[in-house]
Protein backbone atom coordinates (compact mmCIF):
# COMPACT_ATOMS: atom_id res chain seq x y z
CA MET A 1 -182.33 -28.09 -165.52
CA THR A 2 -182.75 -28.18 -169.32
CA LYS A 3 -180.66 -30.75 -171.14
CA LYS A 4 -180.96 -28.93 -174.46
CA VAL A 5 -178.04 -27.18 -176.14
CA VAL A 6 -178.37 -24.54 -178.84
CA VAL A 7 -175.91 -24.85 -181.74
CA SER A 8 -175.56 -21.89 -184.09
CA GLY A 9 -174.50 -22.85 -187.62
CA GLY A 10 -175.33 -25.83 -189.81
CA GLY A 11 -172.02 -26.30 -191.58
CA ILE A 12 -169.59 -29.14 -191.00
CA GLY A 13 -168.65 -27.95 -187.50
CA GLY A 14 -172.21 -27.31 -186.37
CA LEU A 15 -173.49 -30.64 -187.64
CA ALA A 16 -170.55 -32.44 -186.02
CA ALA A 17 -171.29 -30.69 -182.71
CA ALA A 18 -174.99 -31.55 -182.91
CA LEU A 19 -174.17 -35.19 -183.63
CA ALA A 20 -171.64 -35.47 -180.80
CA LEU A 21 -173.99 -33.88 -178.26
CA ALA A 22 -176.99 -35.96 -179.36
CA ARG A 23 -174.93 -39.13 -179.04
CA SER A 24 -174.35 -38.08 -175.42
CA GLY A 25 -178.10 -38.00 -174.86
CA LEU A 26 -178.58 -34.24 -175.05
CA GLY A 27 -181.29 -32.40 -176.94
CA VAL A 28 -179.97 -30.02 -179.58
CA ALA A 29 -181.60 -27.09 -181.36
CA LEU A 30 -179.45 -26.46 -184.44
CA LEU A 31 -179.94 -23.04 -186.06
CA GLU A 32 -178.89 -22.47 -189.68
CA GLN A 33 -179.18 -19.05 -191.28
CA SER A 34 -179.73 -20.34 -194.83
CA PRO A 35 -183.17 -21.43 -196.05
CA VAL A 36 -181.77 -24.85 -197.03
CA PHE A 37 -178.90 -26.99 -195.82
CA GLY A 38 -175.96 -27.07 -198.17
CA GLU A 39 -172.21 -26.69 -198.39
CA VAL A 40 -170.16 -24.57 -200.75
CA GLY A 41 -166.55 -25.02 -201.76
CA ALA A 42 -164.94 -28.05 -203.32
CA GLY A 43 -162.64 -30.74 -201.94
CA LEU A 44 -161.04 -31.20 -198.56
CA GLN A 45 -158.55 -33.52 -196.91
CA LEU A 46 -159.09 -35.48 -193.70
CA GLY A 47 -156.08 -36.80 -191.87
CA PRO A 48 -156.23 -39.89 -189.64
CA ASN A 49 -157.13 -37.65 -186.67
CA ALA A 50 -160.45 -36.65 -188.27
CA VAL A 51 -161.14 -40.06 -189.80
CA ARG A 52 -160.68 -41.55 -186.32
CA VAL A 53 -163.57 -39.40 -185.06
CA LEU A 54 -165.85 -40.30 -187.97
CA ASP A 55 -165.08 -43.97 -187.39
CA GLY A 56 -166.05 -43.60 -183.73
CA TRP A 57 -169.34 -42.08 -184.83
CA GLY A 58 -170.08 -45.08 -187.05
CA LEU A 59 -169.52 -43.25 -190.34
CA SER A 60 -166.65 -45.31 -191.79
CA GLU A 61 -168.83 -47.20 -194.25
CA VAL A 62 -170.36 -44.09 -195.79
CA LEU A 63 -166.92 -42.45 -195.86
CA ARG A 64 -165.52 -45.39 -197.82
CA ALA A 65 -168.43 -45.08 -200.26
CA THR A 66 -167.84 -41.39 -200.98
CA ALA A 67 -164.17 -40.55 -200.40
CA ALA A 68 -160.88 -41.35 -202.07
CA PHE A 69 -157.89 -42.69 -200.16
CA PRO A 70 -154.67 -41.43 -201.78
CA GLU A 71 -151.59 -43.58 -201.90
CA ALA A 72 -149.15 -40.72 -201.33
CA LEU A 73 -148.53 -37.02 -200.97
CA GLN A 74 -146.00 -35.72 -203.47
CA VAL A 75 -144.48 -32.25 -203.57
CA ARG A 76 -143.26 -30.97 -206.93
CA ASP A 77 -141.66 -27.83 -208.30
CA ALA A 78 -144.25 -25.78 -210.18
CA HIS A 79 -141.71 -24.66 -212.79
CA GLY A 80 -139.20 -27.48 -213.13
CA ALA A 81 -141.65 -30.36 -212.38
CA GLN A 82 -139.09 -32.26 -210.30
CA THR A 83 -140.24 -34.07 -207.16
CA LEU A 84 -139.14 -32.26 -204.00
CA GLY A 85 -140.61 -34.61 -201.40
CA ARG A 86 -142.95 -37.55 -200.93
CA LEU A 87 -144.94 -39.03 -198.04
CA ARG A 88 -146.45 -42.49 -198.35
CA LEU A 89 -150.10 -42.65 -197.36
CA GLY A 90 -152.45 -45.58 -198.09
CA PRO A 91 -151.66 -48.68 -196.02
CA ILE A 92 -148.53 -47.09 -194.56
CA VAL A 93 -150.37 -44.27 -192.81
CA ARG A 94 -153.17 -46.64 -191.80
CA ALA A 95 -150.65 -48.93 -190.12
CA ARG A 96 -148.91 -46.00 -188.44
CA TYR A 97 -152.00 -44.23 -187.10
CA GLY A 98 -154.73 -46.85 -187.21
CA GLN A 99 -156.82 -44.82 -189.67
CA PRO A 100 -156.45 -43.82 -193.33
CA TYR A 101 -155.91 -40.46 -194.99
CA ALA A 102 -159.01 -39.46 -196.95
CA THR A 103 -159.87 -36.86 -199.57
CA LEU A 104 -163.47 -36.00 -200.43
CA HIS A 105 -165.81 -33.33 -201.65
CA ARG A 106 -166.88 -30.89 -198.97
CA ALA A 107 -170.55 -31.37 -199.90
CA ASP A 108 -170.22 -35.15 -199.42
CA LEU A 109 -168.87 -34.72 -195.88
CA HIS A 110 -171.62 -32.23 -195.11
CA GLU A 111 -174.30 -34.59 -196.44
CA MET A 112 -172.83 -37.48 -194.45
CA LEU A 113 -173.03 -35.50 -191.22
CA LEU A 114 -176.47 -34.08 -192.01
CA GLU A 115 -177.93 -37.53 -192.62
CA ALA A 116 -176.40 -38.76 -189.36
CA VAL A 117 -177.91 -35.80 -187.49
CA GLN A 118 -181.31 -36.32 -189.10
CA ARG A 119 -181.35 -39.84 -187.68
CA GLU A 120 -180.97 -38.42 -184.17
CA LYS A 121 -184.41 -37.81 -182.65
CA ARG A 122 -182.92 -35.48 -180.06
CA VAL A 123 -181.91 -32.89 -182.69
CA SER A 124 -184.32 -30.28 -184.06
CA LEU A 125 -183.21 -28.42 -187.20
CA HIS A 126 -184.24 -24.82 -187.78
CA LEU A 127 -183.57 -23.17 -191.16
CA GLY A 128 -183.63 -19.45 -191.85
CA CYS A 129 -182.54 -18.70 -188.28
CA ARG A 130 -179.59 -16.32 -188.18
CA VAL A 131 -178.52 -15.50 -184.64
CA ALA A 132 -178.98 -11.84 -183.73
CA SER A 133 -177.96 -12.01 -180.07
CA TYR A 134 -177.94 -14.15 -176.96
CA GLU A 135 -178.52 -13.53 -173.27
CA VAL A 136 -177.21 -15.62 -170.38
CA GLY A 137 -179.42 -15.76 -167.32
CA GLY A 138 -179.13 -18.15 -164.40
CA GLU A 139 -178.72 -21.65 -165.77
CA THR A 140 -179.84 -20.96 -169.34
CA VAL A 141 -178.85 -19.13 -172.51
CA ARG A 142 -181.60 -17.48 -174.55
CA VAL A 143 -180.79 -17.06 -178.26
CA THR A 144 -182.75 -14.64 -180.43
CA CYS A 145 -182.68 -14.86 -184.23
CA GLU A 146 -183.19 -12.14 -186.80
CA ASN A 147 -186.61 -13.62 -187.66
CA ASP A 148 -187.66 -13.05 -184.01
CA GLN A 149 -187.63 -16.74 -183.14
CA SER A 150 -185.96 -17.53 -179.84
CA PHE A 151 -184.43 -20.69 -178.39
CA GLU A 152 -183.32 -21.58 -174.90
CA GLY A 153 -180.71 -24.06 -173.75
CA ALA A 154 -178.25 -24.83 -171.01
CA ALA A 155 -175.40 -23.79 -173.31
CA LEU A 156 -174.74 -22.16 -176.68
CA ILE A 157 -172.17 -23.49 -179.16
CA GLY A 158 -171.22 -20.90 -181.76
CA SER A 159 -170.17 -22.76 -184.90
CA ASP A 160 -171.31 -20.03 -187.27
CA GLY A 161 -168.06 -19.61 -189.15
CA LEU A 162 -165.51 -16.89 -189.77
CA TRP A 163 -168.11 -14.13 -189.57
CA SER A 164 -169.65 -15.53 -186.36
CA ARG A 165 -172.32 -13.49 -184.62
CA VAL A 166 -171.77 -15.50 -181.43
CA ARG A 167 -168.06 -14.67 -181.48
CA ASN A 168 -168.78 -10.99 -182.01
CA GLN A 169 -170.92 -10.85 -178.88
CA MET A 170 -168.63 -13.01 -176.76
CA LEU A 171 -165.31 -11.41 -177.70
CA GLY A 172 -166.32 -8.13 -179.32
CA ALA A 173 -166.57 -7.39 -183.03
CA THR A 174 -163.16 -7.29 -184.68
CA PRO A 175 -162.37 -7.40 -188.41
CA VAL A 176 -161.10 -10.59 -189.98
CA ARG A 177 -157.52 -10.67 -191.22
CA ALA A 178 -156.94 -10.61 -194.98
CA SER A 179 -154.10 -12.95 -195.94
CA GLY A 180 -153.46 -11.40 -199.35
CA HIS A 181 -153.94 -14.85 -200.86
CA LEU A 182 -156.65 -15.92 -203.31
CA ALA A 183 -157.74 -19.50 -203.99
CA TYR A 184 -158.89 -20.54 -207.44
CA ARG A 185 -161.03 -23.67 -206.99
CA GLY A 186 -162.26 -26.11 -209.60
CA MET A 187 -163.14 -29.73 -210.29
CA VAL A 188 -162.42 -32.03 -213.23
CA ARG A 189 -163.50 -35.57 -214.05
CA ALA A 190 -160.65 -38.07 -213.83
CA ASP A 191 -161.48 -39.54 -217.24
CA GLU A 192 -160.94 -36.10 -218.81
CA LEU A 193 -157.34 -35.92 -217.57
CA PRO A 194 -154.20 -37.24 -219.28
CA ALA A 195 -153.37 -40.69 -217.91
CA ALA A 196 -150.25 -39.39 -216.15
CA LEU A 197 -152.35 -37.02 -214.03
CA ARG A 198 -154.90 -39.57 -212.82
CA SER A 199 -152.63 -41.11 -210.18
CA PRO A 200 -154.41 -41.53 -206.80
CA VAL A 201 -152.10 -39.13 -204.98
CA VAL A 202 -152.23 -35.68 -203.42
CA THR A 203 -149.94 -33.44 -205.46
CA ALA A 204 -148.70 -30.09 -204.16
CA TRP A 205 -146.93 -27.79 -206.62
CA LEU A 206 -144.71 -25.09 -205.08
CA GLY A 207 -143.80 -21.95 -207.00
CA PRO A 208 -142.76 -18.37 -206.33
CA ARG A 209 -145.65 -16.56 -204.64
CA LEU A 210 -148.08 -19.36 -205.51
CA HIS A 211 -148.85 -23.03 -205.02
CA ALA A 212 -151.35 -25.56 -206.34
CA VAL A 213 -152.85 -28.74 -204.91
CA HIS A 214 -154.91 -31.43 -206.59
CA TYR A 215 -156.21 -34.77 -205.36
CA PRO A 216 -158.91 -37.35 -206.12
CA VAL A 217 -162.40 -37.15 -204.59
CA ARG A 218 -165.64 -39.11 -205.03
CA ARG A 219 -164.02 -42.55 -205.18
CA GLY A 220 -161.36 -41.19 -207.52
CA GLU A 221 -163.88 -40.28 -210.21
CA TRP A 222 -163.13 -36.55 -209.88
CA PHE A 223 -160.13 -34.40 -208.98
CA ASN A 224 -160.28 -31.29 -206.84
CA VAL A 225 -157.90 -28.57 -208.03
CA VAL A 226 -156.89 -25.50 -206.01
CA VAL A 227 -154.39 -22.83 -207.03
CA VAL A 228 -153.45 -20.24 -204.42
CA VAL A 229 -151.91 -16.98 -205.61
CA GLN A 230 -151.05 -13.68 -204.01
CA GLY A 231 -153.36 -10.84 -205.01
CA VAL A 232 -156.60 -8.95 -204.49
CA ILE A 233 -160.09 -9.56 -205.88
CA GLY A 234 -160.79 -7.21 -208.79
CA GLN A 235 -157.14 -6.31 -209.32
CA GLY A 236 -156.11 -8.75 -211.99
CA HIS A 237 -158.09 -11.59 -210.44
CA GLY A 238 -161.75 -11.82 -211.50
CA GLY A 239 -164.62 -10.50 -209.44
CA ALA A 240 -164.93 -6.78 -208.88
CA VAL A 241 -163.48 -4.34 -206.40
CA GLY A 242 -165.86 -4.17 -203.45
CA SER A 243 -167.26 -7.67 -203.98
CA ASP A 244 -168.89 -9.30 -200.97
CA PRO A 245 -165.93 -10.35 -198.78
CA GLN A 246 -167.95 -13.22 -197.30
CA SER A 247 -168.59 -14.87 -200.67
CA TRP A 248 -167.00 -18.19 -201.63
CA SER A 249 -168.08 -17.80 -205.24
CA HIS A 250 -166.47 -14.77 -206.83
CA GLU A 251 -166.30 -14.76 -210.58
CA ALA A 252 -162.99 -16.18 -211.80
CA HIS A 253 -161.30 -16.07 -215.19
CA ALA A 254 -159.02 -18.84 -216.41
CA SER A 255 -157.00 -16.25 -218.32
CA ASP A 256 -156.12 -14.45 -215.05
CA LEU A 257 -154.96 -17.70 -213.53
CA ARG A 258 -152.95 -18.70 -216.60
CA ARG A 259 -151.20 -15.32 -216.62
CA THR A 260 -150.36 -15.59 -212.92
CA LEU A 261 -148.94 -19.10 -213.27
CA GLY A 262 -146.33 -17.81 -215.71
CA PRO A 263 -143.77 -20.40 -216.85
CA ALA A 264 -145.35 -23.35 -215.04
CA CYS A 265 -144.44 -26.88 -216.10
CA GLY A 266 -146.50 -28.89 -218.58
CA ASP A 267 -148.14 -31.24 -216.06
CA LEU A 268 -149.43 -28.39 -213.90
CA LEU A 269 -150.71 -26.44 -216.89
CA ALA A 270 -152.44 -29.55 -218.25
CA MET A 271 -154.27 -30.01 -214.94
CA VAL A 272 -155.29 -26.34 -214.81
CA ASP A 273 -156.43 -26.31 -218.44
CA ALA A 274 -158.62 -29.38 -217.85
CA VAL A 275 -160.80 -27.50 -215.34
CA ARG A 276 -163.81 -26.07 -217.14
CA GLY A 277 -164.94 -23.57 -214.53
CA TRP A 278 -163.23 -21.76 -211.66
CA LYS A 279 -164.45 -20.01 -208.54
CA LEU A 280 -162.35 -17.49 -206.66
CA TRP A 281 -162.14 -17.33 -202.87
CA PRO A 282 -160.23 -14.70 -200.85
CA LEU A 283 -158.50 -16.36 -197.90
CA ASN A 284 -159.21 -14.60 -194.61
CA ASP A 285 -158.48 -15.69 -191.07
CA ARG A 286 -157.81 -14.38 -187.58
CA ALA A 287 -154.76 -14.33 -185.36
CA PRO A 288 -154.11 -17.65 -183.57
CA VAL A 289 -156.19 -18.30 -180.46
CA ALA A 290 -154.50 -16.48 -177.57
CA GLY A 291 -155.96 -18.47 -174.69
CA ALA A 292 -158.84 -20.56 -173.40
CA HIS A 293 -160.91 -17.41 -172.85
CA GLU A 294 -161.16 -17.03 -176.64
CA HIS A 295 -162.71 -20.49 -176.96
CA ALA A 296 -165.36 -20.38 -174.23
CA GLN A 297 -166.77 -18.12 -171.55
CA GLY A 298 -169.38 -19.32 -169.09
CA ARG A 299 -172.17 -21.13 -170.94
CA VAL A 300 -171.05 -20.04 -174.42
CA ALA A 301 -168.35 -21.71 -176.51
CA LEU A 302 -166.95 -21.29 -180.01
CA LEU A 303 -166.18 -24.15 -182.38
CA GLY A 304 -164.45 -24.46 -185.75
CA ASP A 305 -163.90 -21.32 -187.81
CA ALA A 306 -165.83 -19.22 -185.30
CA ALA A 307 -162.99 -19.91 -182.85
CA HIS A 308 -159.92 -20.62 -185.00
CA PRO A 309 -160.27 -19.94 -188.75
CA LEU A 310 -157.44 -21.61 -190.62
CA ARG A 311 -155.56 -20.93 -193.79
CA PRO A 312 -155.74 -24.17 -195.80
CA TYR A 313 -151.99 -24.90 -195.84
CA LEU A 314 -152.07 -27.78 -193.39
CA ALA A 315 -155.39 -29.19 -194.70
CA GLN A 316 -156.91 -29.24 -191.22
CA GLY A 317 -159.84 -26.80 -191.27
CA ALA A 318 -162.62 -29.39 -191.28
CA ALA A 319 -160.58 -31.74 -189.11
CA MET A 320 -160.14 -29.23 -186.28
CA ALA A 321 -163.88 -28.48 -186.24
CA ILE A 322 -164.58 -32.22 -186.07
CA GLU A 323 -162.05 -32.59 -183.24
CA ASP A 324 -163.71 -29.72 -181.37
CA ALA A 325 -167.07 -31.48 -181.68
CA TRP A 326 -165.60 -34.81 -180.57
CA THR A 327 -164.20 -33.14 -177.44
CA LEU A 328 -167.64 -31.80 -176.54
CA GLY A 329 -169.01 -35.30 -177.00
CA ARG A 330 -166.38 -36.80 -174.71
CA LEU A 331 -167.01 -34.23 -172.00
CA THR A 332 -170.79 -34.73 -172.06
CA ASP A 333 -170.69 -38.52 -172.31
CA PRO A 334 -172.99 -39.92 -169.58
CA ALA A 335 -170.45 -42.69 -169.05
CA ASN A 336 -168.41 -40.08 -167.19
CA GLY A 337 -171.04 -40.25 -164.44
CA GLN A 338 -170.88 -36.51 -163.81
CA THR A 339 -173.61 -33.90 -163.51
CA LEU A 340 -173.34 -31.42 -166.36
CA ASP A 341 -171.91 -28.21 -164.97
CA TRP A 342 -171.78 -26.28 -168.23
CA PRO A 343 -169.44 -23.44 -167.26
CA SER A 344 -166.95 -25.96 -165.86
CA LEU A 345 -167.42 -28.34 -168.79
CA LEU A 346 -166.90 -25.62 -171.41
CA ASP A 347 -163.85 -24.38 -169.51
CA ARG A 348 -162.37 -27.89 -169.84
CA TYR A 349 -163.30 -27.89 -173.51
CA ALA A 350 -161.50 -24.59 -174.04
CA ARG A 351 -158.41 -25.66 -172.07
CA THR A 352 -158.25 -28.88 -174.11
CA ARG A 353 -158.64 -27.26 -177.51
CA TRP A 354 -157.13 -23.78 -177.58
CA ALA A 355 -153.40 -24.54 -177.69
CA ARG A 356 -153.75 -27.32 -180.27
CA ASN A 357 -155.90 -25.13 -182.48
CA ALA A 358 -153.50 -22.21 -182.11
CA ARG A 359 -150.60 -24.47 -183.09
CA VAL A 360 -152.43 -25.60 -186.22
CA GLN A 361 -153.26 -21.98 -187.10
CA THR A 362 -149.61 -20.97 -186.68
CA ARG A 363 -148.29 -23.92 -188.68
CA SER A 364 -150.82 -23.28 -191.45
CA GLU A 365 -149.77 -19.66 -191.78
CA ARG A 366 -146.09 -20.61 -191.74
CA ASN A 367 -146.66 -23.21 -194.45
CA GLY A 368 -148.10 -20.52 -196.71
CA THR A 369 -144.85 -18.58 -196.44
CA VAL A 370 -142.76 -21.69 -197.09
CA PHE A 371 -144.90 -22.85 -200.03
CA HIS A 372 -144.59 -19.47 -201.78
CA ALA A 373 -140.92 -18.98 -201.01
CA THR A 374 -138.36 -17.38 -203.30
CA GLY A 375 -134.60 -16.92 -203.02
CA PRO A 376 -132.71 -18.38 -200.03
CA LEU A 377 -135.87 -19.59 -198.25
CA LYS A 378 -136.84 -21.59 -201.34
CA TRP A 379 -133.42 -23.25 -201.51
CA ALA A 380 -133.50 -24.04 -197.78
CA ARG A 381 -137.01 -25.53 -198.15
CA ASN A 382 -135.99 -27.76 -201.03
CA ALA A 383 -132.80 -28.85 -199.29
CA ALA A 384 -134.71 -29.72 -196.12
CA MET A 385 -137.19 -31.90 -198.04
CA ALA A 386 -134.36 -33.66 -199.85
CA THR A 387 -132.47 -34.28 -196.62
CA LEU A 388 -135.24 -35.08 -194.14
CA GLY A 389 -137.60 -36.92 -196.48
CA GLU A 390 -140.86 -38.23 -195.06
CA SER A 391 -140.14 -37.02 -191.54
CA LEU A 392 -140.59 -33.42 -192.72
CA LEU A 393 -144.00 -34.08 -194.29
CA ASP A 394 -145.45 -36.36 -191.61
CA ASN A 395 -147.17 -34.87 -188.55
CA PRO A 396 -147.41 -37.46 -185.75
CA TRP A 397 -148.45 -34.80 -183.19
CA LEU A 398 -151.41 -34.01 -185.42
CA TYR A 399 -152.48 -37.32 -186.92
CA SER A 400 -152.42 -39.19 -183.60
CA GLY A 401 -155.18 -36.90 -182.26
CA PRO A 402 -157.56 -35.78 -181.09
CA PRO A 403 -156.21 -35.53 -177.55
CA GLU A 404 -158.34 -36.60 -174.61
CA PRO A 405 -159.91 -33.76 -172.60
CA VAL A 406 -157.84 -32.28 -169.80
């Protein structure tokens, strides 16, 4: 029986899966549709649950060299500037969960994983290979790409993102779900910011029908800035009607963002004005995973956004993909002393992951409603943060993960 696995997608989830499987002694053919490896987007946050996995893979040193480690998460009112809530991070969260809370540029995490995969002799990387279809026969899966190349393995892991071809064949083609939210993304050098805005903290600004988040990346030398508003591409927000819905890089205009922010406070406007260039990203997702059958069937499994695309309101998109990959690694670890029965193994993977991923999807969507609240919901939100303090912002069920396979 072949010990090779085919992984579709060379983003963060696909690279993490390839690394986890290779560390278990399996051969991996990783297929990436782009002609070069790369990652778009800007910053991301990694809670202790994801950092714990990277540490187990021997990547702590390179993480320390590229990431920032904020001292706190603070929540502020986008109009009045007052602090609504605060969660201590830094040494406090490290002591509580055994790992730190990190913020870094998405491209730096991608490069870290790519370099780790390139050191694995068991992994072969194939660029320009977009999956067209797959066929399961006997004890193998045969994957055919649009360029007519084909690959065979004992299993197929679809980590090809929100618009996954593997998902479409496994579950049937269904449209993604438009959230009605748009993310303006930008970066600014720390030394170009007013001193008061350079603090090594994650700051979330909550306003009516919008919110903003900024935090340090690249050892604190840069800040990632994201402003999420409610709207549609081409209707008062950059781009053009009919723009490619799969693009992360729609044209954005600072004037549109400024107008949408309205009477925002001085600190928030100063951060926004410091960003020299913006990109606009429509936020799409799918309904939360409904059961294990939506995560894996037979010799085919989905991972990351292909299985459970997340709105970014719990900052767990990359982390859940990394957890998925870690689970595959645990299940295929030769130390388990078990013969690899892929349908059974992927069934365990799906039963381990689906409910946790669905919970994160649901919480992320709910957070978007709470962040953008107006009227009575806004007052209840602010009162809850004032009353419950850190316990409302901490997530022990999340940060103590990933859970061991069932």
